[in-house]
N, C-alpha and C. Protein backbone atom coordinates (compact mmCIF):
# COMPACT_ATOMS: atom_id res chain seq x y z
N MET A 1 -103.11 -5.21 -8.48
CA MET A 1 -102.96 -4.40 -7.29
C MET A 1 -101.89 -3.33 -7.53
N LEU A 2 -102.19 -2.12 -7.17
CA LEU A 2 -101.29 -1.01 -7.38
C LEU A 2 -100.10 -1.09 -6.42
N MET A 3 -98.90 -0.97 -6.99
CA MET A 3 -97.69 -0.90 -6.19
C MET A 3 -97.17 0.51 -6.33
N ILE A 4 -97.03 1.20 -5.21
CA ILE A 4 -96.43 2.52 -5.23
C ILE A 4 -95.52 2.66 -4.01
N ARG A 5 -94.37 3.26 -4.22
CA ARG A 5 -93.40 3.44 -3.14
C ARG A 5 -92.94 4.89 -3.18
N ARG A 6 -93.06 5.56 -2.06
CA ARG A 6 -92.63 6.95 -1.93
C ARG A 6 -91.41 6.97 -1.02
N ILE A 7 -90.29 7.45 -1.55
CA ILE A 7 -89.01 7.39 -0.85
C ILE A 7 -88.44 8.79 -0.71
N ARG A 8 -87.94 9.12 0.48
CA ARG A 8 -87.22 10.37 0.67
C ARG A 8 -85.82 10.02 1.14
N ILE A 9 -84.84 10.69 0.54
CA ILE A 9 -83.44 10.51 0.90
C ILE A 9 -82.92 11.90 1.26
N ALA A 10 -82.28 12.02 2.42
CA ALA A 10 -81.87 13.35 2.87
C ALA A 10 -80.53 13.30 3.59
N GLY A 11 -79.77 14.39 3.44
CA GLY A 11 -78.47 14.49 4.11
C GLY A 11 -77.78 15.78 3.73
N PHE A 12 -76.49 15.83 3.97
CA PHE A 12 -75.67 16.97 3.56
C PHE A 12 -75.33 16.83 2.09
N GLY A 13 -75.14 17.96 1.40
CA GLY A 13 -74.63 17.91 0.04
C GLY A 13 -73.27 17.22 0.04
N GLY A 14 -73.03 16.37 -0.93
CA GLY A 14 -71.76 15.65 -0.99
C GLY A 14 -71.82 14.25 -0.42
N GLN A 15 -72.95 13.89 0.21
CA GLN A 15 -73.08 12.54 0.78
C GLN A 15 -73.66 11.53 -0.21
N GLY A 16 -73.96 11.96 -1.41
CA GLY A 16 -74.51 11.04 -2.41
C GLY A 16 -76.01 10.89 -2.35
N VAL A 17 -76.69 11.86 -1.75
CA VAL A 17 -78.14 11.83 -1.64
C VAL A 17 -78.79 11.78 -3.02
N MET A 18 -78.39 12.69 -3.89
CA MET A 18 -79.00 12.78 -5.22
C MET A 18 -78.70 11.55 -6.07
N LEU A 19 -77.46 11.09 -6.02
CA LEU A 19 -77.10 9.89 -6.79
C LEU A 19 -77.92 8.69 -6.35
N THR A 20 -78.12 8.54 -5.06
CA THR A 20 -78.90 7.42 -4.54
C THR A 20 -80.33 7.47 -5.08
N GLY A 21 -80.92 8.64 -5.06
CA GLY A 21 -82.28 8.81 -5.59
C GLY A 21 -82.35 8.56 -7.09
N GLN A 22 -81.39 9.11 -7.82
CA GLN A 22 -81.35 8.91 -9.27
C GLN A 22 -81.19 7.43 -9.60
N LEU A 23 -80.34 6.75 -8.85
CA LEU A 23 -80.10 5.34 -9.09
C LEU A 23 -81.38 4.52 -8.90
N LEU A 24 -82.13 4.82 -7.84
CA LEU A 24 -83.39 4.10 -7.60
C LEU A 24 -84.40 4.36 -8.71
N ALA A 25 -84.52 5.62 -9.12
CA ALA A 25 -85.48 5.96 -10.18
C ALA A 25 -85.09 5.30 -11.50
N TYR A 26 -83.82 5.33 -11.83
CA TYR A 26 -83.33 4.73 -13.06
C TYR A 26 -83.53 3.21 -13.04
N ALA A 27 -83.21 2.59 -11.90
CA ALA A 27 -83.39 1.14 -11.76
C ALA A 27 -84.85 0.75 -11.93
N ALA A 28 -85.75 1.57 -11.38
CA ALA A 28 -87.18 1.29 -11.54
C ALA A 28 -87.56 1.28 -13.02
N ASN A 29 -87.06 2.26 -13.77
CA ASN A 29 -87.36 2.29 -15.21
C ASN A 29 -86.80 1.08 -15.93
N LEU A 30 -85.57 0.68 -15.58
CA LEU A 30 -84.98 -0.50 -16.20
C LEU A 30 -85.79 -1.76 -15.91
N GLN A 31 -86.44 -1.75 -14.78
CA GLN A 31 -87.23 -2.91 -14.37
C GLN A 31 -88.66 -2.84 -14.89
N GLY A 32 -88.97 -1.83 -15.71
CA GLY A 32 -90.30 -1.73 -16.30
C GLY A 32 -91.31 -1.01 -15.44
N LEU A 33 -90.84 -0.31 -14.41
CA LEU A 33 -91.73 0.45 -13.53
C LEU A 33 -91.68 1.93 -13.91
N TYR A 34 -92.63 2.67 -13.43
CA TYR A 34 -92.63 4.12 -13.60
C TYR A 34 -91.90 4.73 -12.41
N SER A 35 -91.24 5.86 -12.65
CA SER A 35 -90.58 6.53 -11.53
C SER A 35 -90.44 8.02 -11.80
N LEU A 36 -90.38 8.75 -10.71
CA LEU A 36 -90.09 10.18 -10.73
C LEU A 36 -89.04 10.46 -9.66
N TRP A 37 -88.11 11.33 -9.98
CA TRP A 37 -87.07 11.76 -9.05
C TRP A 37 -87.10 13.28 -9.00
N VAL A 38 -87.24 13.83 -7.79
CA VAL A 38 -87.30 15.28 -7.62
C VAL A 38 -86.25 15.70 -6.60
N PRO A 39 -85.23 16.45 -7.05
CA PRO A 39 -84.18 16.91 -6.11
C PRO A 39 -84.57 18.22 -5.43
N THR A 40 -84.07 18.41 -4.21
CA THR A 40 -84.22 19.67 -3.48
C THR A 40 -82.87 19.98 -2.85
N TYR A 41 -82.34 21.14 -3.18
CA TYR A 41 -81.03 21.54 -2.66
C TYR A 41 -81.18 22.68 -1.68
N GLY A 42 -80.27 22.72 -0.70
CA GLY A 42 -80.18 23.86 0.20
C GLY A 42 -79.38 24.96 -0.48
N PRO A 43 -78.98 25.98 0.26
CA PRO A 43 -78.27 27.11 -0.33
C PRO A 43 -76.91 26.74 -0.92
N GLU A 44 -76.25 25.76 -0.35
CA GLU A 44 -74.98 25.29 -0.90
C GLU A 44 -75.18 23.86 -1.36
N THR A 45 -74.45 23.47 -2.38
CA THR A 45 -74.56 22.09 -2.84
C THR A 45 -73.74 21.18 -1.94
N ARG A 46 -72.44 21.36 -1.89
CA ARG A 46 -71.60 20.49 -1.06
C ARG A 46 -71.56 21.07 0.35
N GLY A 47 -72.01 20.29 1.31
CA GLY A 47 -72.01 20.73 2.70
C GLY A 47 -73.35 21.30 3.15
N GLY A 48 -74.16 21.79 2.24
CA GLY A 48 -75.49 22.28 2.60
C GLY A 48 -76.45 21.12 2.70
N THR A 49 -77.71 21.41 2.91
CA THR A 49 -78.69 20.33 3.02
C THR A 49 -79.19 19.95 1.62
N ALA A 50 -79.52 18.70 1.49
CA ALA A 50 -80.03 18.19 0.23
C ALA A 50 -81.00 17.06 0.54
N ASN A 51 -82.06 16.99 -0.23
CA ASN A 51 -82.94 15.83 -0.15
C ASN A 51 -83.57 15.61 -1.50
N CYS A 52 -84.05 14.42 -1.70
CA CYS A 52 -84.77 14.14 -2.94
C CYS A 52 -85.91 13.19 -2.64
N SER A 53 -86.88 13.26 -3.52
CA SER A 53 -88.05 12.40 -3.44
C SER A 53 -88.03 11.48 -4.65
N VAL A 54 -88.36 10.23 -4.42
CA VAL A 54 -88.47 9.26 -5.50
C VAL A 54 -89.82 8.58 -5.34
N VAL A 55 -90.55 8.51 -6.43
CA VAL A 55 -91.81 7.78 -6.44
C VAL A 55 -91.67 6.67 -7.48
N ILE A 56 -91.99 5.45 -7.07
CA ILE A 56 -91.91 4.28 -7.94
C ILE A 56 -93.27 3.61 -7.94
N SER A 57 -93.75 3.27 -9.13
CA SER A 57 -95.07 2.65 -9.23
C SER A 57 -95.14 1.74 -10.45
N ASP A 58 -96.09 0.82 -10.41
CA ASP A 58 -96.33 -0.02 -11.57
C ASP A 58 -97.39 0.60 -12.50
N LYS A 59 -97.91 1.76 -12.12
CA LYS A 59 -98.88 2.52 -12.94
C LYS A 59 -98.32 3.93 -13.14
N PRO A 60 -98.76 4.65 -14.16
CA PRO A 60 -98.28 6.02 -14.35
C PRO A 60 -98.45 6.85 -13.07
N ILE A 61 -97.49 7.72 -12.84
CA ILE A 61 -97.47 8.59 -11.66
C ILE A 61 -97.92 9.98 -12.09
N HIS A 62 -98.92 10.51 -11.42
CA HIS A 62 -99.48 11.79 -11.84
C HIS A 62 -98.93 12.97 -11.07
N SER A 63 -98.24 12.72 -9.97
CA SER A 63 -97.65 13.82 -9.21
C SER A 63 -96.46 13.30 -8.40
N PRO A 64 -95.37 14.07 -8.38
CA PRO A 64 -94.22 13.67 -7.57
C PRO A 64 -94.35 14.11 -6.11
N VAL A 65 -95.42 14.81 -5.79
CA VAL A 65 -95.60 15.40 -4.46
C VAL A 65 -96.24 14.38 -3.52
N PHE A 66 -95.69 14.28 -2.31
CA PHE A 66 -96.31 13.46 -1.27
C PHE A 66 -96.03 14.07 0.08
N GLN A 67 -96.95 13.88 1.00
CA GLN A 67 -96.79 14.38 2.36
C GLN A 67 -95.95 13.41 3.20
N LYS A 68 -96.28 12.13 3.10
CA LYS A 68 -95.61 11.11 3.90
C LYS A 68 -94.93 10.12 2.97
N SER A 69 -93.73 9.72 3.37
CA SER A 69 -92.99 8.73 2.58
C SER A 69 -93.20 7.34 3.17
N ASP A 70 -93.02 6.36 2.33
CA ASP A 70 -93.03 4.97 2.80
C ASP A 70 -91.68 4.63 3.42
N ASP A 71 -90.64 5.27 2.89
CA ASP A 71 -89.28 5.00 3.32
C ASP A 71 -88.51 6.32 3.44
N LEU A 72 -87.67 6.40 4.47
CA LEU A 72 -86.78 7.53 4.65
C LEU A 72 -85.37 7.00 4.86
N MET A 73 -84.42 7.56 4.12
CA MET A 73 -83.00 7.31 4.36
C MET A 73 -82.41 8.64 4.81
N ALA A 74 -82.08 8.75 6.08
CA ALA A 74 -81.53 9.98 6.66
C ALA A 74 -80.03 9.79 6.86
N PHE A 75 -79.24 10.59 6.14
CA PHE A 75 -77.79 10.46 6.18
C PHE A 75 -77.16 11.28 7.29
N ASN A 76 -77.94 12.17 7.93
CA ASN A 76 -77.42 12.99 9.03
C ASN A 76 -78.54 13.36 9.99
N GLU A 77 -78.18 13.88 11.15
CA GLU A 77 -79.17 14.17 12.20
C GLU A 77 -80.17 15.26 11.82
N PRO A 78 -79.74 16.38 11.20
CA PRO A 78 -80.74 17.39 10.80
C PRO A 78 -81.80 16.82 9.85
N SER A 79 -81.40 15.94 8.97
CA SER A 79 -82.35 15.32 8.04
C SER A 79 -83.31 14.39 8.77
N LEU A 80 -82.79 13.65 9.72
CA LEU A 80 -83.66 12.78 10.53
C LEU A 80 -84.68 13.62 11.28
N ALA A 81 -84.22 14.69 11.91
CA ALA A 81 -85.12 15.55 12.68
C ALA A 81 -86.20 16.16 11.79
N LYS A 82 -85.83 16.53 10.59
CA LYS A 82 -86.77 17.19 9.69
C LYS A 82 -87.81 16.23 9.11
N PHE A 83 -87.40 15.01 8.79
CA PHE A 83 -88.28 14.13 8.03
C PHE A 83 -88.83 12.91 8.77
N MET A 84 -88.36 12.61 9.98
CA MET A 84 -88.80 11.36 10.61
C MET A 84 -90.29 11.34 10.93
N ASP A 85 -90.88 12.50 11.16
CA ASP A 85 -92.32 12.56 11.42
C ASP A 85 -93.14 12.49 10.14
N ARG A 86 -92.46 12.46 9.01
CA ARG A 86 -93.15 12.41 7.72
C ARG A 86 -93.02 11.05 7.05
N VAL A 87 -92.92 10.00 7.87
CA VAL A 87 -92.90 8.63 7.37
C VAL A 87 -94.24 8.00 7.73
N SER A 88 -94.87 7.39 6.76
CA SER A 88 -96.17 6.74 6.99
C SER A 88 -96.06 5.67 8.06
N ASP A 89 -97.12 5.48 8.83
CA ASP A 89 -97.15 4.40 9.82
C ASP A 89 -96.87 3.08 9.13
N GLY A 90 -95.98 2.30 9.72
CA GLY A 90 -95.58 1.03 9.12
C GLY A 90 -94.46 1.16 8.11
N GLY A 91 -94.00 2.40 7.89
CA GLY A 91 -92.93 2.64 6.93
C GLY A 91 -91.57 2.30 7.50
N ASN A 92 -90.55 2.53 6.69
CA ASN A 92 -89.18 2.21 7.05
C ASN A 92 -88.35 3.47 7.22
N LEU A 93 -87.63 3.53 8.33
CA LEU A 93 -86.77 4.66 8.63
C LEU A 93 -85.34 4.14 8.77
N PHE A 94 -84.49 4.49 7.82
CA PHE A 94 -83.08 4.11 7.83
C PHE A 94 -82.29 5.36 8.21
N TYR A 95 -81.37 5.24 9.17
CA TYR A 95 -80.58 6.41 9.54
C TYR A 95 -79.11 6.04 9.69
N ASN A 96 -78.26 7.03 9.50
CA ASN A 96 -76.82 6.85 9.58
C ASN A 96 -76.40 6.78 11.05
N ALA A 97 -76.23 5.58 11.55
CA ALA A 97 -75.87 5.38 12.96
C ALA A 97 -74.43 5.83 13.27
N SER A 98 -73.65 6.13 12.24
CA SER A 98 -72.31 6.68 12.45
C SER A 98 -72.37 8.13 12.90
N LEU A 99 -73.31 8.88 12.37
CA LEU A 99 -73.43 10.31 12.68
C LEU A 99 -74.56 10.61 13.66
N ILE A 100 -75.51 9.71 13.77
CA ILE A 100 -76.66 9.91 14.66
C ILE A 100 -76.49 8.93 15.81
N LYS A 101 -76.00 9.43 16.93
CA LYS A 101 -75.65 8.57 18.06
C LYS A 101 -76.81 8.35 19.03
N LYS A 102 -77.85 9.17 18.93
CA LYS A 102 -78.96 9.01 19.87
C LYS A 102 -79.78 7.78 19.51
N ASP A 103 -80.53 7.29 20.47
CA ASP A 103 -81.41 6.15 20.26
C ASP A 103 -82.65 6.65 19.53
N VAL A 104 -82.83 6.21 18.31
CA VAL A 104 -83.96 6.67 17.50
C VAL A 104 -85.19 5.83 17.80
N GLN A 105 -86.20 6.48 18.32
CA GLN A 105 -87.46 5.81 18.66
C GLN A 105 -88.56 6.28 17.73
N CYS A 106 -89.21 5.36 17.09
CA CYS A 106 -90.33 5.67 16.21
C CYS A 106 -91.19 4.40 16.16
N PRO A 107 -91.99 4.18 17.22
CA PRO A 107 -92.68 2.89 17.38
C PRO A 107 -93.62 2.51 16.23
N GLN A 108 -94.10 3.50 15.50
CA GLN A 108 -95.03 3.19 14.41
C GLN A 108 -94.31 2.77 13.12
N ASN A 109 -92.97 2.81 13.13
CA ASN A 109 -92.20 2.48 11.94
C ASN A 109 -91.15 1.40 12.23
N HIS A 110 -90.63 0.83 11.17
CA HIS A 110 -89.49 -0.07 11.25
C HIS A 110 -88.25 0.82 11.20
N VAL A 111 -87.41 0.76 12.20
CA VAL A 111 -86.25 1.65 12.31
C VAL A 111 -84.97 0.84 12.19
N TYR A 112 -84.07 1.31 11.31
CA TYR A 112 -82.82 0.61 11.06
C TYR A 112 -81.65 1.59 11.14
N GLY A 113 -80.80 1.39 12.12
CA GLY A 113 -79.57 2.18 12.22
C GLY A 113 -78.48 1.50 11.41
N VAL A 114 -77.94 2.21 10.44
CA VAL A 114 -76.90 1.67 9.56
C VAL A 114 -75.65 2.55 9.73
N PRO A 115 -74.56 2.00 10.25
CA PRO A 115 -73.34 2.80 10.41
C PRO A 115 -72.63 3.01 9.07
N MET A 116 -73.31 3.68 8.17
CA MET A 116 -72.86 3.79 6.77
C MET A 116 -71.50 4.48 6.64
N THR A 117 -71.25 5.50 7.42
CA THR A 117 -69.98 6.23 7.32
C THR A 117 -68.82 5.34 7.78
N GLU A 118 -68.98 4.68 8.91
CA GLU A 118 -67.93 3.79 9.43
C GLU A 118 -67.66 2.63 8.49
N LEU A 119 -68.72 2.04 7.96
CA LEU A 119 -68.54 0.90 7.07
C LEU A 119 -67.84 1.31 5.77
N ALA A 120 -68.16 2.49 5.27
CA ALA A 120 -67.50 2.98 4.05
C ALA A 120 -66.03 3.30 4.34
N GLN A 121 -65.75 3.86 5.51
CA GLN A 121 -64.36 4.14 5.87
C GLN A 121 -63.56 2.85 6.01
N ALA A 122 -64.21 1.79 6.46
CA ALA A 122 -63.53 0.49 6.56
C ALA A 122 -63.15 -0.05 5.18
N LEU A 123 -63.85 0.42 4.15
CA LEU A 123 -63.51 0.03 2.78
C LEU A 123 -62.46 0.98 2.18
N ASP A 124 -62.01 1.95 2.99
CA ASP A 124 -61.06 2.98 2.55
C ASP A 124 -61.62 3.87 1.44
N LYS A 125 -62.94 3.97 1.37
CA LYS A 125 -63.60 4.83 0.39
C LYS A 125 -64.81 5.48 1.05
N PRO A 126 -64.61 6.54 1.83
CA PRO A 126 -65.75 7.15 2.52
C PRO A 126 -66.84 7.64 1.57
N GLN A 127 -66.49 7.89 0.31
CA GLN A 127 -67.49 8.38 -0.64
C GLN A 127 -68.52 7.33 -1.06
N VAL A 128 -68.36 6.07 -0.63
CA VAL A 128 -69.36 5.06 -0.98
C VAL A 128 -70.33 4.79 0.18
N ALA A 129 -70.36 5.68 1.15
CA ALA A 129 -71.28 5.51 2.29
C ALA A 129 -72.73 5.42 1.82
N ASN A 130 -73.09 6.19 0.80
CA ASN A 130 -74.46 6.12 0.30
C ASN A 130 -74.79 4.74 -0.26
N MET A 131 -73.80 4.05 -0.83
CA MET A 131 -74.04 2.71 -1.36
C MET A 131 -74.21 1.70 -0.22
N VAL A 132 -73.54 1.95 0.91
CA VAL A 132 -73.74 1.11 2.08
C VAL A 132 -75.20 1.22 2.53
N MET A 133 -75.69 2.45 2.63
CA MET A 133 -77.09 2.66 3.03
C MET A 133 -78.04 2.05 2.00
N LEU A 134 -77.72 2.21 0.73
CA LEU A 134 -78.57 1.65 -0.31
C LEU A 134 -78.62 0.12 -0.21
N GLY A 135 -77.50 -0.50 0.09
CA GLY A 135 -77.49 -1.96 0.27
C GLY A 135 -78.41 -2.40 1.39
N ALA A 136 -78.39 -1.68 2.51
CA ALA A 136 -79.28 -1.99 3.63
C ALA A 136 -80.74 -1.80 3.20
N TYR A 137 -80.99 -0.71 2.49
CA TYR A 137 -82.35 -0.42 2.02
C TYR A 137 -82.85 -1.54 1.09
N LEU A 138 -82.00 -1.95 0.16
CA LEU A 138 -82.40 -2.98 -0.81
C LEU A 138 -82.72 -4.31 -0.14
N LYS A 139 -82.05 -4.60 0.97
CA LYS A 139 -82.34 -5.84 1.69
C LYS A 139 -83.73 -5.81 2.30
N LYS A 140 -84.11 -4.68 2.88
CA LYS A 140 -85.39 -4.59 3.59
C LYS A 140 -86.56 -4.27 2.67
N VAL A 141 -86.31 -3.59 1.58
CA VAL A 141 -87.38 -3.19 0.66
C VAL A 141 -87.12 -3.92 -0.65
N ASP A 142 -87.73 -5.04 -0.78
CA ASP A 142 -87.45 -5.96 -1.88
C ASP A 142 -88.23 -5.57 -3.14
N ILE A 143 -87.72 -4.57 -3.85
CA ILE A 143 -88.35 -4.12 -5.09
C ILE A 143 -87.50 -4.50 -6.30
N PHE A 144 -86.18 -4.41 -6.14
CA PHE A 144 -85.29 -4.48 -7.29
C PHE A 144 -84.53 -5.79 -7.41
N LYS A 145 -84.28 -6.16 -8.65
CA LYS A 145 -83.40 -7.28 -8.93
C LYS A 145 -81.97 -6.77 -8.86
N GLU A 146 -81.06 -7.59 -8.37
CA GLU A 146 -79.67 -7.17 -8.16
C GLU A 146 -79.02 -6.67 -9.45
N ASP A 147 -79.26 -7.38 -10.56
CA ASP A 147 -78.61 -6.98 -11.81
C ASP A 147 -79.09 -5.60 -12.29
N VAL A 148 -80.32 -5.24 -11.97
CA VAL A 148 -80.85 -3.93 -12.35
C VAL A 148 -80.13 -2.83 -11.58
N ILE A 149 -79.88 -3.04 -10.32
CA ILE A 149 -79.13 -2.06 -9.52
C ILE A 149 -77.71 -1.92 -10.06
N LEU A 150 -77.08 -3.02 -10.38
CA LEU A 150 -75.71 -2.97 -10.92
C LEU A 150 -75.67 -2.28 -12.28
N ASP A 151 -76.64 -2.55 -13.14
CA ASP A 151 -76.71 -1.87 -14.44
C ASP A 151 -76.91 -0.36 -14.24
N SER A 152 -77.72 0.01 -13.28
CA SER A 152 -77.95 1.43 -12.99
C SER A 152 -76.67 2.08 -12.47
N LEU A 153 -75.98 1.38 -11.62
CA LEU A 153 -74.72 1.89 -11.08
C LEU A 153 -73.70 2.09 -12.20
N LYS A 154 -73.61 1.13 -13.11
CA LYS A 154 -72.70 1.27 -14.26
C LYS A 154 -73.07 2.50 -15.08
N HIS A 155 -74.35 2.73 -15.28
CA HIS A 155 -74.83 3.88 -16.05
C HIS A 155 -74.36 5.18 -15.41
N PHE A 156 -74.54 5.32 -14.09
CA PHE A 156 -74.20 6.57 -13.42
C PHE A 156 -72.69 6.74 -13.22
N LEU A 157 -71.95 5.66 -13.12
CA LEU A 157 -70.50 5.78 -13.04
C LEU A 157 -69.91 6.19 -14.38
N GLY A 158 -70.51 5.69 -15.45
CA GLY A 158 -70.01 6.00 -16.78
C GLY A 158 -68.64 5.38 -17.02
N ALA A 159 -68.14 5.56 -18.22
CA ALA A 159 -66.87 4.97 -18.60
C ALA A 159 -65.70 5.52 -17.78
N LYS A 160 -65.77 6.81 -17.43
CA LYS A 160 -64.67 7.45 -16.71
C LYS A 160 -64.50 6.91 -15.29
N LYS A 161 -65.59 6.50 -14.66
CA LYS A 161 -65.52 6.06 -13.26
C LYS A 161 -65.83 4.58 -13.09
N LEU A 162 -65.79 3.83 -14.18
CA LEU A 162 -66.12 2.41 -14.11
C LEU A 162 -65.18 1.64 -13.19
N ALA A 163 -63.98 2.13 -12.97
CA ALA A 163 -63.05 1.48 -12.05
C ALA A 163 -63.58 1.52 -10.61
N MET A 164 -64.56 2.40 -10.33
CA MET A 164 -65.16 2.49 -9.00
C MET A 164 -66.27 1.44 -8.79
N LEU A 165 -66.62 0.71 -9.83
CA LEU A 165 -67.70 -0.27 -9.73
C LEU A 165 -67.44 -1.33 -8.65
N PRO A 166 -66.26 -1.95 -8.59
CA PRO A 166 -66.05 -2.99 -7.57
C PRO A 166 -66.23 -2.48 -6.13
N VAL A 167 -65.72 -1.31 -5.80
CA VAL A 167 -65.85 -0.81 -4.43
C VAL A 167 -67.30 -0.42 -4.15
N ASN A 168 -68.02 0.06 -5.15
CA ASN A 168 -69.43 0.36 -4.96
C ASN A 168 -70.24 -0.92 -4.76
N GLN A 169 -69.91 -1.96 -5.51
CA GLN A 169 -70.57 -3.25 -5.32
C GLN A 169 -70.29 -3.79 -3.92
N LYS A 170 -69.05 -3.66 -3.49
CA LYS A 170 -68.67 -4.13 -2.15
C LYS A 170 -69.45 -3.35 -1.09
N ALA A 171 -69.58 -2.04 -1.28
CA ALA A 171 -70.33 -1.20 -0.34
C ALA A 171 -71.79 -1.64 -0.28
N LEU A 172 -72.39 -1.95 -1.41
CA LEU A 172 -73.77 -2.45 -1.42
C LEU A 172 -73.87 -3.74 -0.61
N CYS A 173 -72.90 -4.65 -0.81
CA CYS A 173 -72.89 -5.93 -0.07
C CYS A 173 -72.70 -5.71 1.43
N VAL A 174 -71.80 -4.80 1.78
CA VAL A 174 -71.55 -4.52 3.19
C VAL A 174 -72.82 -3.97 3.85
N GLY A 175 -73.52 -3.07 3.18
CA GLY A 175 -74.77 -2.54 3.71
C GLY A 175 -75.84 -3.61 3.83
N TYR A 176 -75.91 -4.46 2.84
CA TYR A 176 -76.88 -5.56 2.83
C TYR A 176 -76.63 -6.49 4.02
N GLU A 177 -75.36 -6.77 4.28
CA GLU A 177 -75.00 -7.68 5.38
C GLU A 177 -75.08 -7.03 6.74
N ALA A 178 -75.03 -5.69 6.79
CA ALA A 178 -74.98 -4.98 8.06
C ALA A 178 -76.34 -4.89 8.74
N ILE A 179 -77.38 -5.18 8.02
CA ILE A 179 -78.73 -5.00 8.57
C ILE A 179 -79.36 -6.35 8.85
N GLU A 180 -80.10 -6.41 9.93
CA GLU A 180 -80.74 -7.68 10.33
C GLU A 180 -81.90 -8.02 9.43
């Protein structure tokens, strides 16, 4: 049976949108799956809009293009507004409940408000908010083995930032625990 997952991650530049997408694509490859990661930047990198598409499959992927995603991680309200109607029925919609205060209604989807910014600030590292969201995502979308995500995180942190591994791991755990 074909397994394919289409994921869109969107937010402001500087929120870790691209890293989150790269991490998922890399983890898929480590796990023996096929993946494609396609970044899209707004006019500015930090502070502007950014989104990326990730496609993960157990068969070769012939196109990174998709109209509707299976999963959306919206890190800010403009991203939610732009992409929430582009989630397939029955898909998952994760949004930053720290920045998006309105009640998000999307009856055809599973909706999860994750206070990623607040939870990251509670760790005294606001820059790991994307890992909080990723932890919540990993709990609900059971594709990856934990060690594969950690190996991917080590790869992207590199030797220079390896000291950030414990707080990133903690952020993943906090996100995982924050969602029902």
